[in-house]
Amino acid sequence: MSNSPDDDRLEELREQKRKELEQRKQQGQSPQDQEAQEAAQQQAEAQKEAMLKQHLTDGARQRLNAVQMSKPEFAEKVEQQIIALARSGRIQDRIDEDQMKSLLKELQPESQSFDIRRR
């Protein structure tokens, strides 16, 4: 039985939290501070995931997950943009896969071309 992209993403987030906890232990933060901070981060992450599920179709979520695997920083930027649009009320319907493609194209940084001249 294979994992869905959401299951893989969830496992990836759990591993990231484990690493963060190890770093905090090494930095000497108190367990209460760690727990409070971790709880706040988990709540924020859960809210973000809920908003994305609410405003994205399955196809759009799959496309975003594919981008997440190859370019995590860019995917985070796209997620933040979608959440900002949702909070401002600018998303009436759910974003489908075609709308996600156009959003990704809009947010993609300009590709830099190199012009090499020989002397």
PDB file of N, CA and C in Angstrom:
ATOM      1  N   MET A   1       0.855  -1.169   0.000  1.00  0.00           N
ATOM      2  CA  MET A   1       0.000   0.000   0.000  1.00  0.00           C
ATOM      3  C   MET A   1       0.902   1.235   0.000  1.00  0.00           C
ATOM      4  N   SER A   2       0.733   2.123  -0.993  1.00  0.00           N
ATOM      5  CA  SER A   2       1.585   3.299  -1.099  1.00  0.00           C
ATOM      6  C   SER A   2       0.955   4.476  -0.373  1.00  0.00           C
ATOM      7  N   ASN A   3       1.802   5.371   0.068  1.00  0.00           N
ATOM      8  CA  ASN A   3       1.350   6.559   0.781  1.00  0.00           C
ATOM      9  C   ASN A   3       0.872   7.602  -0.216  1.00  0.00           C
ATOM     10  N   SER A   4      -0.112   8.367   0.174  1.00  0.00           N
ATOM     11  CA  SER A   4      -0.564   9.471  -0.662  1.00  0.00           C
ATOM     12  C   SER A   4       0.429  10.630  -0.492  1.00  0.00           C
ATOM     13  N   PRO A   5       0.400  11.606  -1.407  1.00  0.00           N
ATOM     14  CA  PRO A   5       1.296  12.763  -1.258  1.00  0.00           C
ATOM     15  C   PRO A   5       1.091  13.491   0.066  1.00  0.00           C
ATOM     16  N   ASP A   6      -0.172  13.533   0.552  1.00  0.00           N
ATOM     17  CA  ASP A   6      -0.425  14.193   1.836  1.00  0.00           C
ATOM     18  C   ASP A   6       0.246  13.432   2.979  1.00  0.00           C
ATOM     19  N   ASP A   7       0.215  12.078   2.931  1.00  0.00           N
ATOM     20  CA  ASP A   7       0.869  11.281   3.964  1.00  0.00           C
ATOM     21  C   ASP A   7       2.377  11.500   3.942  1.00  0.00           C
ATOM     22  N   ASP A   8       2.932  11.561   2.742  1.00  0.00           N
ATOM     23  CA  ASP A   8       4.372  11.805   2.619  1.00  0.00           C
ATOM     24  C   ASP A   8       4.724  13.173   3.170  1.00  0.00           C
ATOM     25  N   ARG A   9       3.895  14.168   2.886  1.00  0.00           N
ATOM     26  CA  ARG A   9       4.128  15.533   3.363  1.00  0.00           C
ATOM     27  C   ARG A   9       4.041  15.577   4.885  1.00  0.00           C
ATOM     28  N   LEU A  10       3.067  14.864   5.445  1.00  0.00           N
ATOM     29  CA  LEU A  10       2.902  14.824   6.890  1.00  0.00           C
ATOM     30  C   LEU A  10       4.124  14.194   7.552  1.00  0.00           C
ATOM     31  N   GLU A  11       4.613  13.106   6.985  1.00  0.00           N
ATOM     32  CA  GLU A  11       5.794  12.445   7.538  1.00  0.00           C
ATOM     33  C   GLU A  11       7.018  13.356   7.431  1.00  0.00           C
ATOM     34  N   GLU A  12       7.102  14.097   6.331  1.00  0.00           N
ATOM     35  CA  GLU A  12       8.203  15.038   6.136  1.00  0.00           C
ATOM     36  C   GLU A  12       8.157  16.129   7.210  1.00  0.00           C
ATOM     37  N   LEU A  13       6.957  16.626   7.515  1.00  0.00           N
ATOM     38  CA  LEU A  13       6.817  17.651   8.551  1.00  0.00           C
ATOM     39  C   LEU A  13       7.171  17.110   9.930  1.00  0.00           C
ATOM     40  N   ARG A  14       6.782  15.867  10.206  1.00  0.00           N
ATOM     41  CA  ARG A  14       7.123  15.262  11.492  1.00  0.00           C
ATOM     42  C   ARG A  14       8.633  15.136  11.653  1.00  0.00           C
ATOM     43  N   GLU A  15       9.305  14.719  10.593  1.00  0.00           N
ATOM     44  CA  GLU A  15      10.759  14.589  10.647  1.00  0.00           C
ATOM     45  C   GLU A  15      11.404  15.952  10.875  1.00  0.00           C
ATOM     46  N   GLN A  16      10.865  16.976  10.230  1.00  0.00           N
ATOM     47  CA  GLN A  16      11.386  18.327  10.414  1.00  0.00           C
ATOM     48  C   GLN A  16      11.215  18.772  11.870  1.00  0.00           C
ATOM     49  N   LYS A  17      10.078  18.457  12.490  1.00  0.00           N
ATOM     50  CA  LYS A  17       9.836  18.817  13.890  1.00  0.00           C
ATOM     51  C   LYS A  17      10.807  18.089  14.812  1.00  0.00           C
ATOM     52  N   ARG A  18      11.072  16.813  14.499  1.00  0.00           N
ATOM     53  CA  ARG A  18      12.041  16.060  15.313  1.00  0.00           C
ATOM     54  C   ARG A  18      13.418  16.732  15.281  1.00  0.00           C
ATOM     55  N   LYS A  19      13.823  17.151  14.098  1.00  0.00           N
ATOM     56  CA  LYS A  19      15.121  17.813  13.962  1.00  0.00           C
ATOM     57  C   LYS A  19      15.149  19.126  14.735  1.00  0.00           C
ATOM     58  N   GLU A  20      14.042  19.879  14.654  1.00  0.00           N
ATOM     59  CA  GLU A  20      13.977  21.145  15.386  1.00  0.00           C
ATOM     60  C   GLU A  20      14.054  20.916  16.890  1.00  0.00           C
ATOM     61  N   LEU A  21      13.386  19.868  17.378  1.00  0.00           N
ATOM     62  CA  LEU A  21      13.443  19.556  18.808  1.00  0.00           C
ATOM     63  C   LEU A  21      14.868  19.221  19.241  1.00  0.00           C
ATOM     64  N   GLU A  22      15.564  18.449  18.434  1.00  0.00           N
ATOM     65  CA  GLU A  22      16.954  18.108  18.757  1.00  0.00           C
ATOM     66  C   GLU A  22      17.812  19.359  18.820  1.00  0.00           C
ATOM     67  N   GLN A  23      17.619  20.270  17.884  1.00  0.00           N
ATOM     68  CA  GLN A  23      18.395  21.512  17.884  1.00  0.00           C
ATOM     69  C   GLN A  23      18.102  22.334  19.136  1.00  0.00           C
ATOM     70  N   ARG A  24      16.841  22.407  19.527  1.00  0.00           N
ATOM     71  CA  ARG A  24      16.482  23.179  20.716  1.00  0.00           C
ATOM     72  C   ARG A  24      17.073  22.561  21.972  1.00  0.00           C
ATOM     73  N   LYS A  25      17.094  21.233  22.031  1.00  0.00           N
ATOM     74  CA  LYS A  25      17.695  20.575  23.191  1.00  0.00           C
ATOM     75  C   LYS A  25      19.171  20.931  23.293  1.00  0.00           C
ATOM     76  N   GLN A  26      19.834  20.976  22.145  1.00  0.00           N
ATOM     77  CA  GLN A  26      21.253  21.318  22.140  1.00  0.00           C
ATOM     78  C   GLN A  26      21.470  22.783  22.511  1.00  0.00           C
ATOM     79  N   GLN A  27      20.506  23.638  22.208  1.00  0.00           N
ATOM     80  CA  GLN A  27      20.637  25.058  22.519  1.00  0.00           C
ATOM     81  C   GLN A  27      20.262  25.363  23.964  1.00  0.00           C
ATOM     82  N   GLY A  28      19.667  24.414  24.656  1.00  0.00           N
ATOM     83  CA  GLY A  28      19.394  24.577  26.071  1.00  0.00           C
ATOM     84  C   GLY A  28      18.098  25.270  26.417  1.00  0.00           C
ATOM     85  N   GLN A  29      17.096  25.243  25.553  1.00  0.00           N
ATOM     86  CA  GLN A  29      15.806  25.824  25.895  1.00  0.00           C
ATOM     87  C   GLN A  29      15.089  24.911  26.878  1.00  0.00           C
ATOM     88  N   SER A  30      14.257  25.498  27.698  1.00  0.00           N
ATOM     89  CA  SER A  30      13.520  24.689  28.677  1.00  0.00           C
ATOM     90  C   SER A  30      12.438  23.873  27.972  1.00  0.00           C
ATOM     91  N   PRO A  31      12.097  22.726  28.535  1.00  0.00           N
ATOM     92  CA  PRO A  31      11.067  21.882  27.914  1.00  0.00           C
ATOM     93  C   PRO A  31       9.720  22.579  27.772  1.00  0.00           C
ATOM     94  N   GLN A  32       9.362  23.444  28.747  1.00  0.00           N
ATOM     95  CA  GLN A  32       8.082  24.146  28.646  1.00  0.00           C
ATOM     96  C   GLN A  32       8.082  25.104  27.458  1.00  0.00           C
ATOM     97  N   ASP A  33       9.186  25.825  27.266  1.00  0.00           N
ATOM     98  CA  ASP A  33       9.296  26.732  26.125  1.00  0.00           C
ATOM     99  C   ASP A  33       9.204  25.956  24.823  1.00  0.00           C
ATOM    100  N   GLN A  34       9.876  24.812  24.791  1.00  0.00           N
ATOM    101  CA  GLN A  34       9.859  23.979  23.598  1.00  0.00           C
ATOM    102  C   GLN A  34       8.446  23.509  23.285  1.00  0.00           C
ATOM    103  N   GLU A  35       7.748  23.046  24.326  1.00  0.00           N
ATOM    104  CA  GLU A  35       6.398  22.536  24.128  1.00  0.00           C
ATOM    105  C   GLU A  35       5.445  23.638  23.669  1.00  0.00           C
ATOM    106  N   ALA A  36       5.537  24.801  24.263  1.00  0.00           N
ATOM    107  CA  ALA A  36       4.663  25.912  23.891  1.00  0.00           C
ATOM    108  C   ALA A  36       4.936  26.347  22.454  1.00  0.00           C
ATOM    109  N   GLN A  37       6.219  26.450  22.126  1.00  0.00           N
ATOM    110  CA  GLN A  37       6.581  26.864  20.778  1.00  0.00           C
ATOM    111  C   GLN A  37       6.169  25.807  19.760  1.00  0.00           C
ATOM    112  N   GLU A  38       6.365  24.553  20.099  1.00  0.00           N
ATOM    113  CA  GLU A  38       5.988  23.469  19.198  1.00  0.00           C
ATOM    114  C   GLU A  38       4.476  23.427  19.008  1.00  0.00           C
ATOM    115  N   ALA A  39       3.726  23.619  20.081  1.00  0.00           N
ATOM    116  CA  ALA A  39       2.265  23.621  19.988  1.00  0.00           C
ATOM    117  C   ALA A  39       1.783  24.759  19.093  1.00  0.00           C
ATOM    118  N   ALA A  40       2.386  25.916  19.225  1.00  0.00           N
ATOM    119  CA  ALA A  40       2.009  27.058  18.397  1.00  0.00           C
ATOM    120  C   ALA A  40       2.330  26.792  16.927  1.00  0.00           C
ATOM    121  N   GLN A  41       3.487  26.191  16.686  1.00  0.00           N
ATOM    122  CA  GLN A  41       3.865  25.875  15.310  1.00  0.00           C
ATOM    123  C   GLN A  41       2.935  24.825  14.718  1.00  0.00           C
ATOM    124  N   GLN A  42       2.581  23.812  15.504  1.00  0.00           N
ATOM    125  CA  GLN A  42       1.677  22.778  15.010  1.00  0.00           C
ATOM    126  C   GLN A  42       0.308  23.357  14.709  1.00  0.00           C
ATOM    127  N   GLN A  43      -0.161  24.254  15.552  1.00  0.00           N
ATOM    128  CA  GLN A  43      -1.460  24.874  15.328  1.00  0.00           C
ATOM    129  C   GLN A  43      -1.430  25.726  14.062  1.00  0.00           C
ATOM    130  N   ALA A  44      -0.371  26.497  13.877  1.00  0.00           N
ATOM    131  CA  ALA A  44      -0.244  27.330  12.679  1.00  0.00           C
ATOM    132  C   ALA A  44      -0.171  26.460  11.426  1.00  0.00           C
ATOM    133  N   GLU A  45       0.572  25.371  11.498  1.00  0.00           N
ATOM    134  CA  GLU A  45       0.694  24.455  10.364  1.00  0.00           C
ATOM    135  C   GLU A  45      -0.646  23.797  10.049  1.00  0.00           C
ATOM    136  N   ALA A  46      -1.391  23.418  11.085  1.00  0.00           N
ATOM    137  CA  ALA A  46      -2.703  22.798  10.884  1.00  0.00           C
ATOM    138  C   ALA A  46      -3.683  23.790  10.252  1.00  0.00           C
ATOM    139  N   GLN A  47      -3.631  25.048  10.690  1.00  0.00           N
ATOM    140  CA  GLN A  47      -4.498  26.071  10.099  1.00  0.00           C
ATOM    141  C   GLN A  47      -4.151  26.288   8.629  1.00  0.00           C
ATOM    142  N   LYS A  48      -2.854  26.313   8.330  1.00  0.00           N
ATOM    143  CA  LYS A  48      -2.414  26.498   6.945  1.00  0.00           C
ATOM    144  C   LYS A  48      -2.903  25.347   6.076  1.00  0.00           C
ATOM    145  N   GLU A  49      -2.721  24.122   6.552  1.00  0.00           N
ATOM    146  CA  GLU A  49      -3.158  22.948   5.797  1.00  0.00           C
ATOM    147  C   GLU A  49      -4.672  22.957   5.592  1.00  0.00           C
ATOM    148  N   ALA A  50      -5.426  23.349   6.623  1.00  0.00           N
ATOM    149  CA  ALA A  50      -6.885  23.394   6.513  1.00  0.00           C
ATOM    150  C   ALA A  50      -7.321  24.425   5.474  1.00  0.00           C
ATOM    151  N   MET A  51      -6.668  25.583   5.468  1.00  0.00           N
ATOM    152  CA  MET A  51      -7.012  26.609   4.482  1.00  0.00           C
ATOM    153  C   MET A  51      -6.688  26.142   3.070  1.00  0.00           C
ATOM    154  N   LEU A  52      -5.544  25.475   2.906  1.00  0.00           N
ATOM    155  CA  LEU A  52      -5.181  24.990   1.586  1.00  0.00           C
ATOM    156  C   LEU A  52      -6.175  23.930   1.112  1.00  0.00           C
ATOM    157  N   LYS A  53      -6.568  23.025   2.004  1.00  0.00           N
ATOM    158  CA  LYS A  53      -7.549  21.999   1.628  1.00  0.00           C
ATOM    159  C   LYS A  53      -8.885  22.629   1.263  1.00  0.00           C
ATOM    160  N   GLN A  54      -9.243  23.680   1.955  1.00  0.00           N
ATOM    161  CA  GLN A  54     -10.520  24.340   1.710  1.00  0.00           C
ATOM    162  C   GLN A  54     -10.533  25.051   0.364  1.00  0.00           C
ATOM    163  N   HIS A  55      -9.409  25.631  -0.029  1.00  0.00           N
ATOM    164  CA  HIS A  55      -9.383  26.493  -1.213  1.00  0.00           C
ATOM    165  C   HIS A  55      -8.741  25.866  -2.439  1.00  0.00           C
ATOM    166  N   LEU A  56      -8.226  24.632  -2.338  1.00  0.00           N
ATOM    167  CA  LEU A  56      -7.604  23.979  -3.489  1.00  0.00           C
ATOM    168  C   LEU A  56      -8.335  22.695  -3.832  1.00  0.00           C
ATOM    169  N   THR A  57      -8.482  22.434  -5.130  1.00  0.00           N
ATOM    170  CA  THR A  57      -9.027  21.151  -5.552  1.00  0.00           C
ATOM    171  C   THR A  57      -7.942  20.095  -5.391  1.00  0.00           C
ATOM    172  N   ASP A  58      -8.321  18.826  -5.538  1.00  0.00           N
ATOM    173  CA  ASP A  58      -7.341  17.751  -5.393  1.00  0.00           C
ATOM    174  C   ASP A  58      -6.211  17.881  -6.411  1.00  0.00           C
ATOM    175  N   GLY A  59      -6.551  18.222  -7.649  1.00  0.00           N
ATOM    176  CA  GLY A  59      -5.534  18.376  -8.695  1.00  0.00           C
ATOM    177  C   GLY A  59      -4.553  19.495  -8.369  1.00  0.00           C
ATOM    178  N   ALA A  60      -5.076  20.596  -7.860  1.00  0.00           N
ATOM    179  CA  ALA A  60      -4.217  21.732  -7.507  1.00  0.00           C
ATOM    180  C   ALA A  60      -3.307  21.371  -6.336  1.00  0.00           C
ATOM    181  N   ARG A  61      -3.852  20.629  -5.357  1.00  0.00           N
ATOM    182  CA  ARG A  61      -3.024  20.208  -4.214  1.00  0.00           C
ATOM    183  C   ARG A  61      -1.924  19.251  -4.661  1.00  0.00           C
ATOM    184  N   GLN A  62      -2.255  18.357  -5.588  1.00  0.00           N
ATOM    185  CA  GLN A  62      -1.236  17.428  -6.082  1.00  0.00           C
ATOM    186  C   GLN A  62      -0.132  18.184  -6.814  1.00  0.00           C
ATOM    187  N   ARG A  63      -0.515  19.178  -7.593  1.00  0.00           N
ATOM    188  CA  ARG A  63       0.493  19.976  -8.306  1.00  0.00           C
ATOM    189  C   ARG A  63       1.372  20.740  -7.316  1.00  0.00           C
ATOM    190  N   LEU A  64       0.761  21.289  -6.284  1.00  0.00           N
ATOM    191  CA  LEU A  64       1.528  22.011  -5.264  1.00  0.00           C
ATOM    192  C   LEU A  64       2.460  21.061  -4.522  1.00  0.00           C
ATOM    193  N   ASN A  65       2.008  19.847  -4.238  1.00  0.00           N
ATOM    194  CA  ASN A  65       2.865  18.855  -3.583  1.00  0.00           C
ATOM    195  C   ASN A  65       4.049  18.479  -4.469  1.00  0.00           C
ATOM    196  N   ALA A  66       3.821  18.392  -5.778  1.00  0.00           N
ATOM    197  CA  ALA A  66       4.921  18.089  -6.699  1.00  0.00           C
ATOM    198  C   ALA A  66       5.957  19.205  -6.681  1.00  0.00           C
ATOM    199  N   VAL A  67       5.486  20.438  -6.648  1.00  0.00           N
ATOM    200  CA  VAL A  67       6.400  21.587  -6.561  1.00  0.00           C
ATOM    201  C   VAL A  67       7.133  21.560  -5.225  1.00  0.00           C
ATOM    202  N   GLN A  68       6.432  21.172  -4.161  1.00  0.00           N
ATOM    203  CA  GLN A  68       7.025  21.098  -2.823  1.00  0.00           C
ATOM    204  C   GLN A  68       8.222  20.154  -2.811  1.00  0.00           C
ATOM    205  N   MET A  69       8.104  19.051  -3.522  1.00  0.00           N
ATOM    206  CA  MET A  69       9.191  18.073  -3.535  1.00  0.00           C
ATOM    207  C   MET A  69      10.430  18.604  -4.266  1.00  0.00           C
ATOM    208  N   SER A  70      10.215  19.366  -5.326  1.00  0.00           N
ATOM    209  CA  SER A  70      11.360  19.829  -6.100  1.00  0.00           C
ATOM    210  C   SER A  70      11.890  21.189  -5.645  1.00  0.00           C
ATOM    211  N   LYS A  71      10.989  22.078  -5.247  1.00  0.00           N
ATOM    212  CA  LYS A  71      11.398  23.431  -4.842  1.00  0.00           C
ATOM    213  C   LYS A  71      10.631  23.840  -3.588  1.00  0.00           C
ATOM    214  N   PRO A  72      11.072  23.384  -2.412  1.00  0.00           N
ATOM    215  CA  PRO A  72      10.307  23.654  -1.187  1.00  0.00           C
ATOM    216  C   PRO A  72      10.154  25.135  -0.858  1.00  0.00           C
ATOM    217  N   GLU A  73      11.176  25.939  -1.118  1.00  0.00           N
ATOM    218  CA  GLU A  73      11.091  27.370  -0.804  1.00  0.00           C
ATOM    219  C   GLU A  73      10.036  28.047  -1.675  1.00  0.00           C
ATOM    220  N   PHE A  74      10.031  27.698  -2.956  1.00  0.00           N
ATOM    221  CA  PHE A  74       9.069  28.269  -3.892  1.00  0.00           C
ATOM    222  C   PHE A  74       7.651  27.832  -3.521  1.00  0.00           C
ATOM    223  N   ALA A  75       7.483  26.575  -3.147  1.00  0.00           N
ATOM    224  CA  ALA A  75       6.166  26.062  -2.764  1.00  0.00           C
ATOM    225  C   ALA A  75       5.664  26.781  -1.514  1.00  0.00           C
ATOM    226  N   GLU A  76       6.546  27.064  -0.582  1.00  0.00           N
ATOM    227  CA  GLU A  76       6.165  27.797   0.631  1.00  0.00           C
ATOM    228  C   GLU A  76       5.676  29.198   0.261  1.00  0.00           C
ATOM    229  N   LYS A  77       6.360  29.832  -0.683  1.00  0.00           N
ATOM    230  CA  LYS A  77       5.964  31.161  -1.145  1.00  0.00           C
ATOM    231  C   LYS A  77       4.576  31.102  -1.788  1.00  0.00           C
ATOM    232  N   VAL A  78       4.315  30.074  -2.582  1.00  0.00           N
ATOM    233  CA  VAL A  78       3.013  29.905  -3.231  1.00  0.00           C
ATOM    234  C   VAL A  78       1.929  29.669  -2.182  1.00  0.00           C
ATOM    235  N   GLU A  79       2.224  28.818  -1.192  1.00  0.00           N
ATOM    236  CA  GLU A  79       1.253  28.555  -0.126  1.00  0.00           C
ATOM    237  C   GLU A  79       0.910  29.840   0.612  1.00  0.00           C
ATOM    238  N   GLN A  80       1.909  30.646   0.924  1.00  0.00           N
ATOM    239  CA  GLN A  80       1.670  31.909   1.630  1.00  0.00           C
ATOM    240  C   GLN A  80       0.812  32.845   0.786  1.00  0.00           C
ATOM    241  N   GLN A  81       1.045  32.849  -0.522  1.00  0.00           N
ATOM    242  CA  GLN A  81       0.270  33.699  -1.421  1.00  0.00           C
ATOM    243  C   GLN A  81      -1.188  33.243  -1.454  1.00  0.00           C
ATOM    244  N   ILE A  82      -1.428  31.945  -1.527  1.00  0.00           N
ATOM    245  CA  ILE A  82      -2.787  31.411  -1.551  1.00  0.00           C
ATOM    246  C   ILE A  82      -3.509  31.750  -0.251  1.00  0.00           C
ATOM    247  N   ILE A  83      -2.815  31.598   0.870  1.00  0.00           N
ATOM    248  CA  ILE A  83      -3.414  31.903   2.165  1.00  0.00           C
ATOM    249  C   ILE A  83      -3.749  33.397   2.261  1.00  0.00           C
ATOM    250  N   ALA A  84      -2.850  34.238   1.762  1.00  0.00           N
ATOM    251  CA  ALA A  84      -3.113  35.684   1.781  1.00  0.00           C
ATOM    252  C   ALA A  84      -4.330  36.021   0.924  1.00  0.00           C
ATOM    253  N   LEU A  85      -4.438  35.392  -0.246  1.00  0.00           N
ATOM    254  CA  LEU A  85      -5.595  35.625  -1.110  1.00  0.00           C
ATOM    255  C   LEU A  85      -6.885  35.158  -0.431  1.00  0.00           C
ATOM    256  N   ALA A  86      -6.817  34.012   0.237  1.00  0.00           N
ATOM    257  CA  ALA A  86      -7.996  33.467   0.910  1.00  0.00           C
ATOM    258  C   ALA A  86      -8.428  34.367   2.070  1.00  0.00           C
ATOM    259  N   ARG A  87      -7.475  34.844   2.838  1.00  0.00           N
ATOM    260  CA  ARG A  87      -7.800  35.691   3.984  1.00  0.00           C
ATOM    261  C   ARG A  87      -8.371  37.036   3.557  1.00  0.00           C
ATOM    262  N   SER A  88      -7.926  37.532   2.403  1.00  0.00           N
ATOM    263  CA  SER A  88      -8.428  38.820   1.929  1.00  0.00           C
ATOM    264  C   SER A  88      -9.758  38.676   1.200  1.00  0.00           C
ATOM    265  N   GLY A  89     -10.222  37.429   1.013  1.00  0.00           N
ATOM    266  CA  GLY A  89     -11.503  37.193   0.371  1.00  0.00           C
ATOM    267  C   GLY A  89     -11.463  37.263  -1.141  1.00  0.00           C
ATOM    268  N   ARG A  90     -10.281  37.167  -1.727  1.00  0.00           N
ATOM    269  CA  ARG A  90     -10.147  37.281  -3.177  1.00  0.00           C
ATOM    270  C   ARG A  90     -10.310  35.938  -3.886  1.00  0.00           C
ATOM    271  N   ILE A  91     -10.508  34.862  -3.129  1.00  0.00           N
ATOM    272  CA  ILE A  91     -10.761  33.555  -3.738  1.00  0.00           C
ATOM    273  C   ILE A  91     -12.238  33.241  -3.526  1.00  0.00           C
ATOM    274  N   GLN A  92     -13.007  33.254  -4.628  1.00  0.00           N
ATOM    275  CA  GLN A  92     -14.431  32.961  -4.514  1.00  0.00           C
ATOM    276  C   GLN A  92     -14.662  31.445  -4.532  1.00  0.00           C
ATOM    277  N   ASP A  93     -14.156  30.769  -5.552  1.00  0.00           N
ATOM    278  CA  ASP A  93     -14.283  29.318  -5.667  1.00  0.00           C
ATOM    279  C   ASP A  93     -12.968  28.674  -5.290  1.00  0.00           C
ATOM    280  N   ARG A  94     -12.941  27.364  -5.390  1.00  0.00           N
ATOM    281  CA  ARG A  94     -11.692  26.652  -5.127  1.00  0.00           C
ATOM    282  C   ARG A  94     -10.765  26.817  -6.331  1.00  0.00           C
ATOM    283  N   ILE A  95      -9.482  26.851  -6.068  1.00  0.00           N
ATOM    284  CA  ILE A  95      -8.489  26.967  -7.131  1.00  0.00           C
ATOM    285  C   ILE A  95      -8.315  25.593  -7.750  1.00  0.00           C
ATOM    286  N   ASP A  96      -8.507  25.514  -9.087  1.00  0.00           N
ATOM    287  CA  ASP A  96      -8.330  24.233  -9.755  1.00  0.00           C
ATOM    288  C   ASP A  96      -6.911  24.134 -10.319  1.00  0.00           C
ATOM    289  N   GLU A  97      -6.649  23.027 -10.992  1.00  0.00           N
ATOM    290  CA  GLU A  97      -5.284  22.773 -11.460  1.00  0.00           C
ATOM    291  C   GLU A  97      -4.819  23.811 -12.482  1.00  0.00           C
ATOM    292  N   ASP A  98      -5.704  24.236 -13.398  1.00  0.00           N
ATOM    293  CA  ASP A  98      -5.322  25.237 -14.392  1.00  0.00           C
ATOM    294  C   ASP A  98      -5.010  26.580 -13.738  1.00  0.00           C
ATOM    295  N   GLN A  99      -5.809  26.958 -12.750  1.00  0.00           N
ATOM    296  CA  GLN A  99      -5.534  28.205 -12.033  1.00  0.00           C
ATOM    297  C   GLN A  99      -4.233  28.095 -11.253  1.00  0.00           C
ATOM    298  N   MET A 100      -3.944  26.907 -10.718  1.00  0.00           N
ATOM    299  CA  MET A 100      -2.690  26.700  -9.997  1.00  0.00           C
ATOM    300  C   MET A 100      -1.508  26.851 -10.944  1.00  0.00           C
ATOM    301  N   LYS A 101      -1.636  26.325 -12.173  1.00  0.00           N
ATOM    302  CA  LYS A 101      -0.561  26.465 -13.160  1.00  0.00           C
ATOM    303  C   LYS A 101      -0.279  27.938 -13.428  1.00  0.00           C
ATOM    304  N   SER A 102      -1.328  28.720 -13.628  1.00  0.00           N
ATOM    305  CA  SER A 102      -1.116  30.142 -13.930  1.00  0.00           C
ATOM    306  C   SER A 102      -0.542  30.874 -12.722  1.00  0.00           C
ATOM    307  N   LEU A 103      -0.977  30.495 -11.512  1.00  0.00           N
ATOM    308  CA  LEU A 103      -0.424  31.109 -10.300  1.00  0.00           C
ATOM    309  C   LEU A 103       1.060  30.785 -10.166  1.00  0.00           C
ATOM    310  N   LEU A 104       1.432  29.542 -10.447  1.00  0.00           N
ATOM    311  CA  LEU A 104       2.841  29.152 -10.378  1.00  0.00           C
ATOM    312  C   LEU A 104       3.671  29.925 -11.390  1.00  0.00           C
ATOM    313  N   LYS A 105       3.119  30.118 -12.593  1.00  0.00           N
ATOM    314  CA  LYS A 105       3.847  30.884 -13.612  1.00  0.00           C
ATOM    315  C   LYS A 105       4.029  32.338 -13.182  1.00  0.00           C
ATOM    316  N   GLU A 106       2.985  32.911 -12.571  1.00  0.00           N
ATOM    317  CA  GLU A 106       3.070  34.306 -12.115  1.00  0.00           C
ATOM    318  C   GLU A 106       4.122  34.482 -11.026  1.00  0.00           C
ATOM    319  N   LEU A 107       4.164  33.534 -10.096  1.00  0.00           N
ATOM    320  CA  LEU A 107       5.063  33.675  -8.953  1.00  0.00           C
ATOM    321  C   LEU A 107       6.481  33.189  -9.228  1.00  0.00           C
ATOM    322  N   GLN A 108       6.664  32.491 -10.340  1.00  0.00           N
ATOM    323  CA  GLN A 108       7.991  31.965 -10.657  1.00  0.00           C
ATOM    324  C   GLN A 108       8.946  33.118 -10.932  1.00  0.00           C
ATOM    325  N   PRO A 109      10.111  33.074 -10.310  1.00  0.00           N
ATOM    326  CA  PRO A 109      11.072  34.158 -10.546  1.00  0.00           C
ATOM    327  C   PRO A 109      11.533  34.176 -12.007  1.00  0.00           C
ATOM    328  N   GLU A 110      11.854  35.360 -12.454  1.00  0.00           N
ATOM    329  CA  GLU A 110      12.340  35.501 -13.826  1.00  0.00           C
ATOM    330  C   GLU A 110      13.603  34.658 -14.006  1.00  0.00           C
ATOM    331  N   SER A 111      13.622  33.910 -15.085  1.00  0.00           N
ATOM    332  CA  SER A 111      14.819  33.103 -15.330  1.00  0.00           C
ATOM    333  C   SER A 111      15.909  34.010 -15.882  1.00  0.00           C
ATOM    334  N   GLN A 112      17.073  33.845 -15.352  1.00  0.00           N
ATOM    335  CA  GLN A 112      18.185  34.665 -15.789  1.00  0.00           C
ATOM    336  C   GLN A 112      18.890  33.950 -16.938  1.00  0.00           C
ATOM    337  N   SER A 113      19.124  34.691 -17.979  1.00  0.00           N
ATOM    338  CA  SER A 113      19.838  34.098 -19.107  1.00  0.00           C
ATOM    339  C   SER A 113      21.260  34.654 -19.096  1.00  0.00           C
ATOM    340  N   PHE A 114      22.156  33.819 -19.505  1.00  0.00           N
ATOM    341  CA  PHE A 114      23.551  34.193 -19.544  1.00  0.00           C
ATOM    342  C   PHE A 114      23.990  34.334 -20.996  1.00  0.00           C
ATOM    343  N   ASP A 115      24.599  35.429 -21.296  1.00  0.00           N
ATOM    344  CA  ASP A 115      25.093  35.674 -22.640  1.00  0.00           C
ATOM    345  C   ASP A 115      26.614  35.603 -22.593  1.00  0.00           C
ATOM    346  N   ILE A 116      27.140  34.564 -23.152  1.00  0.00           N
ATOM    347  CA  ILE A 116      28.593  34.350 -23.119  1.00  0.00           C
ATOM    348  C   ILE A 116      29.147  34.783 -24.460  1.00  0.00           C
ATOM    349  N   ARG A 117      30.090  35.692 -24.393  1.00  0.00           N
ATOM    350  CA  ARG A 117      30.717  36.186 -25.622  1.00  0.00           C
ATOM    351  C   ARG A 117      32.180  35.791 -25.612  1.00  0.00           C
ATOM    352  N   ARG A 118      32.618  35.272 -26.701  1.00  0.00           N
ATOM    353  CA  ARG A 118      34.029  34.935 -26.829  1.00  0.00           C
ATOM    354  C   ARG A 118      34.768  36.059 -27.487  1.00  0.00           C
ATOM    355  N   ARG A 119      35.970  36.291 -27.059  1.00  0.00           N
ATOM    356  CA  ARG A 119      36.773  37.370 -27.641  1.00  0.00           C
ATOM    357  C   ARG A 119      37.757  36.834 -28.632  1.00  0.00           C
TER     358      ARG A 119
END
